[in-house]
């Protein structure tokens, strides 16, 4: 899975706003398996 620059910036902003990493991963990948690898 590849992200464009705007997506990466959005991810970093969500993380700075105290979003949980696991929640971000699931939102972005839609797969718990991808989050573990």
PDB file of N, CA and C in Angstrom:
ATOM      1  N   UNK A   1       0.852  -1.172   0.000  1.00  0.00           N
ATOM      2  CA  UNK A   1       0.000   0.000   0.000  1.00  0.00           C
ATOM      3  C   UNK A   1       0.898   1.234   0.000  1.00  0.00           C
ATOM      4  N   UNK A   2       0.613   2.145  -0.902  1.00  0.00           N
ATOM      5  CA  UNK A   2       1.386   3.372  -0.980  1.00  0.00           C
ATOM      6  C   UNK A   2       0.491   4.558  -0.633  1.00  0.00           C
ATOM      7  N   UNK A   3       1.099   5.554  -0.020  1.00  0.00           N
ATOM      8  CA  UNK A   3       0.365   6.753   0.366  1.00  0.00           C
ATOM      9  C   UNK A   3       0.942   7.957  -0.352  1.00  0.00           C
ATOM     10  N   UNK A   4       0.067   8.903  -0.680  1.00  0.00           N
ATOM     11  CA  UNK A   4       0.553  10.154  -1.242  1.00  0.00           C
ATOM     12  C   UNK A   4       0.923  11.083  -0.085  1.00  0.00           C
ATOM     13  N   UNK A   5       1.656  12.122  -0.398  1.00  0.00           N
ATOM     14  CA  UNK A   5       2.163  13.030   0.633  1.00  0.00           C
ATOM     15  C   UNK A   5       1.053  13.582   1.529  1.00  0.00           C
ATOM     16  N   UNK A   6      -0.076  13.952   0.942  1.00  0.00           N
ATOM     17  CA  UNK A   6      -1.178  14.511   1.726  1.00  0.00           C
ATOM     18  C   UNK A   6      -1.722  13.492   2.724  1.00  0.00           C
ATOM     19  N   UNK A   7      -1.760  12.219   2.329  1.00  0.00           N
ATOM     20  CA  UNK A   7      -2.230  11.178   3.239  1.00  0.00           C
ATOM     21  C   UNK A   7      -1.269  11.015   4.412  1.00  0.00           C
ATOM     22  N   UNK A   8       0.017  11.034   4.133  1.00  0.00           N
ATOM     23  CA  UNK A   8       1.021  10.887   5.189  1.00  0.00           C
ATOM     24  C   UNK A   8       0.920  12.039   6.174  1.00  0.00           C
ATOM     25  N   UNK A   9       0.763  13.255   5.670  1.00  0.00           N
ATOM     26  CA  UNK A   9       0.623  14.423   6.542  1.00  0.00           C
ATOM     27  C   UNK A   9      -0.617  14.275   7.412  1.00  0.00           C
ATOM     28  N   UNK A  10      -1.714  13.819   6.830  1.00  0.00           N
ATOM     29  CA  UNK A  10      -2.937  13.609   7.597  1.00  0.00           C
ATOM     30  C   UNK A  10      -2.751  12.569   8.688  1.00  0.00           C
ATOM     31  N   UNK A  11      -2.040  11.496   8.375  1.00  0.00           N
ATOM     32  CA  UNK A  11      -1.759  10.447   9.358  1.00  0.00           C
ATOM     33  C   UNK A  11      -0.947  11.014  10.513  1.00  0.00           C
ATOM     34  N   UNK A  12       0.080  11.773  10.195  1.00  0.00           N
ATOM     35  CA  UNK A  12       0.922  12.357  11.241  1.00  0.00           C
ATOM     36  C   UNK A  12       0.135  13.335  12.108  1.00  0.00           C
ATOM     37  N   UNK A  13      -0.744  14.101  11.504  1.00  0.00           N
ATOM     38  CA  UNK A  13      -1.571  15.045  12.282  1.00  0.00           C
ATOM     39  C   UNK A  13      -2.519  14.313  13.219  1.00  0.00           C
ATOM     40  N   UNK A  14      -3.093  13.215  12.745  1.00  0.00           N
ATOM     41  CA  UNK A  14      -3.976  12.433  13.614  1.00  0.00           C
ATOM     42  C   UNK A  14      -3.190  11.859  14.784  1.00  0.00           C
ATOM     43  N   UNK A  15      -1.975  11.397  14.515  1.00  0.00           N
ATOM     44  CA  UNK A  15      -1.138  10.838  15.577  1.00  0.00           C
ATOM     45  C   UNK A  15      -0.791  11.930  16.591  1.00  0.00           C
ATOM     46  N   UNK A  16      -0.476  13.123  16.120  1.00  0.00           N
ATOM     47  CA  UNK A  16      -0.170  14.236  17.018  1.00  0.00           C
ATOM     48  C   UNK A  16      -1.384  14.609  17.864  1.00  0.00           C
ATOM     49  N   UNK A  17      -2.577  14.384  17.335  1.00  0.00           N
ATOM     50  CA  UNK A  17      -3.811  14.700  18.059  1.00  0.00           C
ATOM     51  C   UNK A  17      -4.203  13.561  18.999  1.00  0.00           C
ATOM     52  N   UNK A  18      -3.233  12.710  19.310  1.00  0.00           N
ATOM     53  CA  UNK A  18      -3.398  11.610  20.269  1.00  0.00           C
ATOM     54  C   UNK A  18      -4.269  10.463  19.784  1.00  0.00           C
ATOM     55  N   UNK A  19      -4.364  10.294  18.479  1.00  0.00           N
ATOM     56  CA  UNK A  19      -5.066   9.118  17.971  1.00  0.00           C
ATOM     57  C   UNK A  19      -4.225   7.890  18.307  1.00  0.00           C
ATOM     58  N   UNK A  20      -4.882   6.796  18.608  1.00  0.00           N
ATOM     59  CA  UNK A  20      -4.160   5.576  18.939  1.00  0.00           C
ATOM     60  C   UNK A  20      -3.606   4.954  17.662  1.00  0.00           C
ATOM     61  N   UNK A  21      -2.359   4.502  17.734  1.00  0.00           N
ATOM     62  CA  UNK A  21      -1.690   3.940  16.568  1.00  0.00           C
ATOM     63  C   UNK A  21      -2.472   2.771  15.983  1.00  0.00           C
ATOM     64  N   UNK A  22      -2.968   1.883  16.826  1.00  0.00           N
ATOM     65  CA  UNK A  22      -3.719   0.725  16.332  1.00  0.00           C
ATOM     66  C   UNK A  22      -4.972   1.162  15.584  1.00  0.00           C
ATOM     67  N   UNK A  23      -5.647   2.182  16.081  1.00  0.00           N
ATOM     68  CA  UNK A  23      -6.850   2.678  15.415  1.00  0.00           C
ATOM     69  C   UNK A  23      -6.507   3.276  14.053  1.00  0.00           C
ATOM     70  N   UNK A  24      -5.412   4.033  13.997  1.00  0.00           N
ATOM     71  CA  UNK A  24      -4.986   4.610  12.727  1.00  0.00           C
ATOM     72  C   UNK A  24      -4.650   3.515  11.731  1.00  0.00           C
ATOM     73  N   UNK A  25      -3.950   2.506  12.191  1.00  0.00           N
ATOM     74  CA  UNK A  25      -3.566   1.412  11.315  1.00  0.00           C
ATOM     75  C   UNK A  25      -4.791   0.733  10.726  1.00  0.00           C
ATOM     76  N   UNK A  26      -5.747   0.416  11.565  1.00  0.00           N
ATOM     77  CA  UNK A  26      -6.955  -0.251  11.077  1.00  0.00           C
ATOM     78  C   UNK A  26      -7.744   0.643  10.126  1.00  0.00           C
ATOM     79  N   UNK A  27      -7.780   1.927  10.404  1.00  0.00           N
ATOM     80  CA  UNK A  27      -8.485   2.861   9.532  1.00  0.00           C
ATOM     81  C   UNK A  27      -7.828   2.912   8.159  1.00  0.00           C
ATOM     82  N   UNK A  28      -6.508   2.889   8.145  1.00  0.00           N
ATOM     83  CA  UNK A  28      -5.774   3.030   6.892  1.00  0.00           C
ATOM     84  C   UNK A  28      -5.695   1.741   6.094  1.00  0.00           C
ATOM     85  N   UNK A  29      -5.550   0.617   6.764  1.00  0.00           N
ATOM     86  CA  UNK A  29      -5.327  -0.637   6.047  1.00  0.00           C
ATOM     87  C   UNK A  29      -6.573  -1.495   5.918  1.00  0.00           C
ATOM     88  N   UNK A  30      -7.517  -1.325   6.827  1.00  0.00           N
ATOM     89  CA  UNK A  30      -8.741  -2.131   6.867  1.00  0.00           C
ATOM     90  C   UNK A  30      -8.449  -3.598   7.151  1.00  0.00           C
ATOM     91  N   UNK A  31      -7.241  -3.876   7.666  1.00  0.00           N
ATOM     92  CA  UNK A  31      -6.887  -5.263   7.947  1.00  0.00           C
ATOM     93  C   UNK A  31      -6.001  -5.347   9.174  1.00  0.00           C
ATOM     94  N   UNK A  32      -6.432  -6.095  10.169  1.00  0.00           N
ATOM     95  CA  UNK A  32      -5.621  -6.266  11.374  1.00  0.00           C
ATOM     96  C   UNK A  32      -4.329  -6.991  11.047  1.00  0.00           C
ATOM     97  N   UNK A  33      -4.359  -7.891  10.071  1.00  0.00           N
ATOM     98  CA  UNK A  33      -3.152  -8.630   9.694  1.00  0.00           C
ATOM     99  C   UNK A  33      -2.063  -7.678   9.203  1.00  0.00           C
ATOM    100  N   UNK A  34      -2.421  -6.694   8.384  1.00  0.00           N
ATOM    101  CA  UNK A  34      -1.440  -5.746   7.867  1.00  0.00           C
ATOM    102  C   UNK A  34      -0.824  -4.914   8.984  1.00  0.00           C
ATOM    103  N   UNK A  35      -1.558  -4.676  10.044  1.00  0.00           N
ATOM    104  CA  UNK A  35      -1.053  -3.872  11.153  1.00  0.00           C
ATOM    105  C   UNK A  35      -0.002  -4.631  11.958  1.00  0.00           C
ATOM    106  N   UNK A  36      -0.053  -5.938  11.927  1.00  0.00           N
ATOM    107  CA  UNK A  36       0.890  -6.744  12.699  1.00  0.00           C
ATOM    108  C   UNK A  36       2.171  -7.031  11.949  1.00  0.00           C
ATOM    109  N   UNK A  37       2.202  -6.797  10.642  1.00  0.00           N
ATOM    110  CA  UNK A  37       3.389  -7.147   9.859  1.00  0.00           C
ATOM    111  C   UNK A  37       4.278  -5.962   9.662  1.00  0.00           C
TER     112      UNK A  37
END
